[in-house]
Amino acid sequence: MEDNTKMIESLLGKITDYGKTSYELTKLRVIDKTTDGLSSFLPNTVIAAILCSFLLFANLGLALWLGKILGELFYGFFIVAAFYALIAFVMHLFMRKWLKRILYDYMIKQVLKK
């Protein structure tokens, strides 16, 4: 009878240790995924901000230059705005699902990366 009690206590101890180890492993995996995601997110955010600044100034320069050529500054801004409206329309019609799939695949790869 004592052997059964010792075996059950030993088994319960091992189950408890297994549960604690599994919890710690899960916690470490979550920390790893979080730090990996943040470490790739922050540099990409900086690059995106720099790229947005470049595009902003390039578009302002282009709009001012076109406006100067056409005689009125606002004509240049209208042309640049119409160009972006056309690009947005084409992307919405033809590339929306394609871009969504690429972003979805990228996110899945980041989450499942070992």
N, C-alpha and C. Protein backbone atom coordinates (compact mmCIF):
# COMPACT_ATOMS: atom_id res chain seq x y z
N MET A 1 0.81 -1.18 0.00
CA MET A 1 0.00 0.00 0.00
C MET A 1 0.87 1.26 0.00
N GLU A 2 1.96 1.21 0.81
CA GLU A 2 2.85 2.36 0.86
C GLU A 2 3.56 2.57 -0.47
N ASP A 3 3.83 1.49 -1.17
CA ASP A 3 4.47 1.60 -2.48
C ASP A 3 3.57 2.35 -3.44
N ASN A 4 2.27 2.03 -3.41
CA ASN A 4 1.33 2.73 -4.28
C ASN A 4 1.25 4.22 -3.92
N THR A 5 1.26 4.53 -2.65
CA THR A 5 1.21 5.91 -2.20
C THR A 5 2.46 6.66 -2.64
N LYS A 6 3.63 6.05 -2.49
CA LYS A 6 4.88 6.66 -2.91
C LYS A 6 4.90 6.85 -4.43
N MET A 7 4.38 5.86 -5.16
CA MET A 7 4.34 5.97 -6.61
C MET A 7 3.41 7.10 -7.05
N ILE A 8 2.26 7.21 -6.39
CA ILE A 8 1.31 8.26 -6.73
C ILE A 8 1.90 9.63 -6.39
N GLU A 9 2.55 9.74 -5.23
CA GLU A 9 3.19 11.01 -4.86
C GLU A 9 4.30 11.36 -5.84
N SER A 10 5.08 10.37 -6.23
CA SER A 10 6.15 10.59 -7.20
C SER A 10 5.56 11.02 -8.55
N LEU A 11 4.48 10.36 -8.95
CA LEU A 11 3.82 10.71 -10.21
C LEU A 11 3.25 12.12 -10.16
N LEU A 12 2.62 12.48 -9.04
CA LEU A 12 2.07 13.83 -8.88
C LEU A 12 3.19 14.88 -8.90
N GLY A 13 4.31 14.55 -8.27
CA GLY A 13 5.47 15.46 -8.29
C GLY A 13 6.00 15.67 -9.69
N LYS A 14 6.07 14.57 -10.46
CA LYS A 14 6.55 14.68 -11.84
C LYS A 14 5.56 15.46 -12.71
N ILE A 15 4.26 15.24 -12.49
CA ILE A 15 3.25 15.98 -13.24
C ILE A 15 3.34 17.47 -12.92
N THR A 16 3.53 17.79 -11.66
CA THR A 16 3.67 19.20 -11.25
C THR A 16 4.91 19.81 -11.89
N ASP A 17 6.03 19.09 -11.85
CA ASP A 17 7.26 19.58 -12.48
C ASP A 17 7.06 19.77 -13.99
N TYR A 18 6.38 18.82 -14.62
CA TYR A 18 6.11 18.93 -16.06
C TYR A 18 5.26 20.16 -16.36
N GLY A 19 4.24 20.38 -15.53
CA GLY A 19 3.39 21.56 -15.73
C GLY A 19 4.16 22.85 -15.59
N LYS A 20 5.02 22.93 -14.56
CA LYS A 20 5.83 24.13 -14.35
C LYS A 20 6.80 24.34 -15.52
N THR A 21 7.42 23.25 -15.97
CA THR A 21 8.36 23.34 -17.08
C THR A 21 7.65 23.76 -18.36
N SER A 22 6.47 23.19 -18.61
CA SER A 22 5.70 23.57 -19.79
C SER A 22 5.30 25.04 -19.74
N TYR A 23 4.92 25.51 -18.56
CA TYR A 23 4.54 26.92 -18.40
C TYR A 23 5.74 27.82 -18.68
N GLU A 24 6.89 27.48 -18.12
CA GLU A 24 8.10 28.28 -18.34
C GLU A 24 8.50 28.27 -19.81
N LEU A 25 8.42 27.12 -20.45
CA LEU A 25 8.76 27.03 -21.87
C LEU A 25 7.82 27.89 -22.71
N THR A 26 6.54 27.84 -22.42
CA THR A 26 5.58 28.66 -23.14
C THR A 26 5.87 30.14 -22.92
N LYS A 27 6.17 30.50 -21.68
CA LYS A 27 6.48 31.90 -21.37
C LYS A 27 7.73 32.35 -22.14
N LEU A 28 8.75 31.52 -22.20
CA LEU A 28 9.96 31.87 -22.94
C LEU A 28 9.70 31.97 -24.44
N ARG A 29 8.86 31.10 -24.96
CA ARG A 29 8.51 31.19 -26.38
C ARG A 29 7.77 32.47 -26.70
N VAL A 30 6.84 32.87 -25.82
CA VAL A 30 6.10 34.12 -26.03
C VAL A 30 7.06 35.31 -25.98
N ILE A 31 7.98 35.30 -25.03
CA ILE A 31 8.96 36.37 -24.94
C ILE A 31 9.82 36.41 -26.19
N ASP A 32 10.23 35.25 -26.69
CA ASP A 32 11.05 35.18 -27.90
C ASP A 32 10.30 35.74 -29.10
N LYS A 33 9.06 35.34 -29.28
CA LYS A 33 8.27 35.83 -30.41
C LYS A 33 8.03 37.33 -30.30
N THR A 34 7.76 37.81 -29.09
CA THR A 34 7.50 39.23 -28.90
C THR A 34 8.75 40.06 -29.20
N THR A 35 9.88 39.65 -28.66
CA THR A 35 11.11 40.41 -28.91
C THR A 35 11.52 40.32 -30.37
N ASP A 36 11.30 39.18 -30.99
CA ASP A 36 11.62 39.04 -32.41
C ASP A 36 10.74 39.96 -33.24
N GLY A 37 9.46 40.00 -32.91
CA GLY A 37 8.55 40.88 -33.65
C GLY A 37 8.88 42.34 -33.46
N LEU A 38 9.17 42.75 -32.23
CA LEU A 38 9.53 44.14 -31.97
C LEU A 38 10.86 44.52 -32.60
N SER A 39 11.81 43.59 -32.56
CA SER A 39 13.12 43.91 -33.13
C SER A 39 13.07 44.05 -34.64
N SER A 40 12.14 43.41 -35.31
CA SER A 40 11.99 43.60 -36.75
C SER A 40 11.03 44.75 -37.05
N PHE A 41 10.13 45.07 -36.11
CA PHE A 41 9.16 46.14 -36.33
C PHE A 41 9.81 47.52 -36.23
N LEU A 42 10.65 47.73 -35.24
CA LEU A 42 11.24 49.05 -35.01
C LEU A 42 12.12 49.52 -36.17
N PRO A 43 13.06 48.72 -36.66
CA PRO A 43 13.85 49.20 -37.82
C PRO A 43 12.99 49.43 -39.06
N ASN A 44 12.00 48.57 -39.26
CA ASN A 44 11.12 48.76 -40.41
C ASN A 44 10.32 50.05 -40.28
N THR A 45 9.94 50.41 -39.07
CA THR A 45 9.21 51.65 -38.84
C THR A 45 10.09 52.86 -39.13
N VAL A 46 11.33 52.81 -38.73
CA VAL A 46 12.26 53.91 -39.01
C VAL A 46 12.47 54.06 -40.51
N ILE A 47 12.66 52.96 -41.19
CA ILE A 47 12.85 52.99 -42.64
C ILE A 47 11.60 53.53 -43.33
N ALA A 48 10.43 53.10 -42.87
CA ALA A 48 9.18 53.59 -43.45
C ALA A 48 9.01 55.10 -43.23
N ALA A 49 9.40 55.59 -42.05
CA ALA A 49 9.30 57.03 -41.78
C ALA A 49 10.23 57.83 -42.69
N ILE A 50 11.44 57.34 -42.88
CA ILE A 50 12.38 58.02 -43.77
C ILE A 50 11.88 57.99 -45.20
N LEU A 51 11.35 56.86 -45.63
CA LEU A 51 10.81 56.74 -46.98
C LEU A 51 9.61 57.67 -47.17
N CYS A 52 8.75 57.77 -46.17
CA CYS A 52 7.59 58.67 -46.26
C CYS A 52 8.04 60.12 -46.35
N SER A 53 9.06 60.48 -45.60
CA SER A 53 9.59 61.85 -45.68
C SER A 53 10.15 62.13 -47.07
N PHE A 54 10.90 61.19 -47.60
CA PHE A 54 11.43 61.34 -48.95
C PHE A 54 10.31 61.51 -49.97
N LEU A 55 9.30 60.64 -49.89
CA LEU A 55 8.20 60.74 -50.84
C LEU A 55 7.42 62.04 -50.70
N LEU A 56 7.25 62.51 -49.47
CA LEU A 56 6.56 63.77 -49.25
C LEU A 56 7.28 64.91 -49.94
N PHE A 57 8.58 65.02 -49.69
CA PHE A 57 9.33 66.11 -50.30
C PHE A 57 9.47 65.96 -51.81
N ALA A 58 9.59 64.73 -52.29
CA ALA A 58 9.66 64.51 -53.74
C ALA A 58 8.34 64.91 -54.40
N ASN A 59 7.23 64.57 -53.76
CA ASN A 59 5.93 64.94 -54.32
C ASN A 59 5.69 66.45 -54.27
N LEU A 60 6.09 67.08 -53.18
CA LEU A 60 5.97 68.54 -53.11
C LEU A 60 6.82 69.21 -54.19
N GLY A 61 8.04 68.73 -54.35
CA GLY A 61 8.90 69.28 -55.40
C GLY A 61 8.32 69.08 -56.79
N LEU A 62 7.80 67.89 -57.04
CA LEU A 62 7.20 67.60 -58.34
C LEU A 62 5.97 68.48 -58.58
N ALA A 63 5.14 68.63 -57.56
CA ALA A 63 3.94 69.46 -57.70
C ALA A 63 4.31 70.92 -57.95
N LEU A 64 5.28 71.42 -57.23
CA LEU A 64 5.71 72.80 -57.44
C LEU A 64 6.33 72.99 -58.82
N TRP A 65 7.12 72.02 -59.25
CA TRP A 65 7.76 72.10 -60.56
C TRP A 65 6.71 72.06 -61.67
N LEU A 66 5.76 71.13 -61.58
CA LEU A 66 4.68 71.07 -62.59
C LEU A 66 3.84 72.34 -62.57
N GLY A 67 3.57 72.85 -61.39
CA GLY A 67 2.81 74.09 -61.28
C GLY A 67 3.53 75.26 -61.92
N LYS A 68 4.84 75.30 -61.77
CA LYS A 68 5.62 76.38 -62.38
C LYS A 68 5.59 76.27 -63.90
N ILE A 69 5.68 75.03 -64.40
CA ILE A 69 5.64 74.82 -65.86
C ILE A 69 4.27 75.21 -66.41
N LEU A 70 3.20 74.86 -65.69
CA LEU A 70 1.84 75.11 -66.17
C LEU A 70 1.36 76.54 -65.88
N GLY A 71 2.08 77.28 -65.09
CA GLY A 71 1.72 78.67 -64.85
C GLY A 71 1.01 78.92 -63.53
N GLU A 72 0.37 77.95 -62.96
CA GLU A 72 -0.30 78.07 -61.66
C GLU A 72 0.16 76.92 -60.77
N LEU A 73 0.55 77.23 -59.54
CA LEU A 73 1.08 76.19 -58.65
C LEU A 73 0.04 75.12 -58.33
N PHE A 74 -1.21 75.50 -58.20
CA PHE A 74 -2.21 74.50 -57.80
C PHE A 74 -2.45 73.46 -58.90
N TYR A 75 -2.15 73.80 -60.17
CA TYR A 75 -2.27 72.79 -61.23
C TYR A 75 -1.33 71.61 -60.97
N GLY A 76 -0.14 71.90 -60.52
CA GLY A 76 0.81 70.83 -60.22
C GLY A 76 0.32 69.92 -59.11
N PHE A 77 -0.27 70.53 -58.07
CA PHE A 77 -0.81 69.72 -56.98
C PHE A 77 -1.99 68.86 -57.43
N PHE A 78 -2.83 69.43 -58.30
CA PHE A 78 -3.95 68.66 -58.84
C PHE A 78 -3.47 67.48 -59.67
N ILE A 79 -2.44 67.69 -60.47
CA ILE A 79 -1.91 66.61 -61.31
C ILE A 79 -1.32 65.50 -60.45
N VAL A 80 -0.54 65.86 -59.43
CA VAL A 80 0.05 64.85 -58.54
C VAL A 80 -1.05 64.10 -57.79
N ALA A 81 -2.07 64.82 -57.32
CA ALA A 81 -3.18 64.18 -56.62
C ALA A 81 -3.94 63.23 -57.55
N ALA A 82 -4.17 63.66 -58.80
CA ALA A 82 -4.87 62.80 -59.76
C ALA A 82 -4.05 61.54 -60.06
N PHE A 83 -2.74 61.69 -60.14
CA PHE A 83 -1.86 60.54 -60.38
C PHE A 83 -2.00 59.51 -59.24
N TYR A 84 -1.99 59.99 -58.00
CA TYR A 84 -2.13 59.08 -56.86
C TYR A 84 -3.54 58.48 -56.78
N ALA A 85 -4.53 59.24 -57.17
CA ALA A 85 -5.89 58.69 -57.21
C ALA A 85 -5.98 57.57 -58.23
N LEU A 86 -5.34 57.75 -59.38
CA LEU A 86 -5.33 56.71 -60.41
C LEU A 86 -4.60 55.46 -59.91
N ILE A 87 -3.47 55.65 -59.27
CA ILE A 87 -2.72 54.50 -58.73
C ILE A 87 -3.56 53.76 -57.68
N ALA A 88 -4.21 54.51 -56.79
CA ALA A 88 -5.05 53.88 -55.76
C ALA A 88 -6.20 53.11 -56.39
N PHE A 89 -6.81 53.66 -57.42
CA PHE A 89 -7.92 52.99 -58.10
C PHE A 89 -7.45 51.68 -58.75
N VAL A 90 -6.33 51.74 -59.44
CA VAL A 90 -5.79 50.53 -60.10
C VAL A 90 -5.41 49.48 -59.06
N MET A 91 -4.78 49.90 -57.98
CA MET A 91 -4.41 48.94 -56.93
C MET A 91 -5.64 48.32 -56.29
N HIS A 92 -6.66 49.12 -56.09
CA HIS A 92 -7.89 48.59 -55.49
C HIS A 92 -8.54 47.56 -56.40
N LEU A 93 -8.55 47.84 -57.68
CA LEU A 93 -9.21 46.92 -58.62
C LEU A 93 -8.43 45.64 -58.84
N PHE A 94 -7.13 45.76 -59.05
CA PHE A 94 -6.37 44.61 -59.53
C PHE A 94 -5.43 43.98 -58.50
N MET A 95 -4.93 44.75 -57.57
CA MET A 95 -3.86 44.23 -56.73
C MET A 95 -4.27 44.03 -55.27
N ARG A 96 -5.51 44.32 -54.91
CA ARG A 96 -5.93 44.26 -53.51
C ARG A 96 -5.75 42.86 -52.92
N LYS A 97 -6.25 41.86 -53.61
CA LYS A 97 -6.13 40.48 -53.11
C LYS A 97 -4.68 40.01 -53.13
N TRP A 98 -3.94 40.41 -54.14
CA TRP A 98 -2.55 40.02 -54.25
C TRP A 98 -1.74 40.59 -53.10
N LEU A 99 -1.91 41.89 -52.80
CA LEU A 99 -1.19 42.51 -51.69
C LEU A 99 -1.62 41.92 -50.35
N LYS A 100 -2.91 41.64 -50.22
CA LYS A 100 -3.41 41.06 -48.98
C LYS A 100 -2.78 39.69 -48.75
N ARG A 101 -2.66 38.90 -49.79
CA ARG A 101 -2.06 37.57 -49.66
C ARG A 101 -0.59 37.67 -49.29
N ILE A 102 0.14 38.61 -49.91
CA ILE A 102 1.56 38.77 -49.60
C ILE A 102 1.74 39.18 -48.15
N LEU A 103 0.96 40.14 -47.67
CA LEU A 103 1.06 40.56 -46.27
C LEU A 103 0.67 39.45 -45.32
N TYR A 104 -0.36 38.70 -45.67
CA TYR A 104 -0.81 37.58 -44.83
C TYR A 104 0.29 36.52 -44.73
N ASP A 105 0.89 36.17 -45.88
CA ASP A 105 1.96 35.18 -45.88
C ASP A 105 3.16 35.65 -45.06
N TYR A 106 3.50 36.93 -45.16
CA TYR A 106 4.63 37.49 -44.42
C TYR A 106 4.37 37.38 -42.91
N MET A 107 3.17 37.75 -42.50
CA MET A 107 2.85 37.70 -41.07
C MET A 107 2.86 36.27 -40.54
N ILE A 108 2.34 35.34 -41.31
CA ILE A 108 2.35 33.93 -40.90
C ILE A 108 3.79 33.42 -40.77
N LYS A 109 4.64 33.78 -41.72
CA LYS A 109 6.04 33.35 -41.65
C LYS A 109 6.73 33.92 -40.42
N GLN A 110 6.41 35.18 -40.07
CA GLN A 110 7.03 35.78 -38.89
C GLN A 110 6.57 35.09 -37.61
N VAL A 111 5.30 34.73 -37.55
CA VAL A 111 4.78 34.09 -36.34
C VAL A 111 5.31 32.66 -36.20
N LEU A 112 5.41 31.94 -37.31
CA LEU A 112 5.82 30.53 -37.25
C LEU A 112 7.31 30.34 -37.34
N LYS A 113 8.08 31.43 -37.50
CA LYS A 113 9.53 31.31 -37.60
C LYS A 113 10.10 30.76 -36.31
N LYS A 114 11.01 29.82 -36.44
CA LYS A 114 11.59 29.17 -35.26
C LYS A 114 12.91 29.79 -34.91
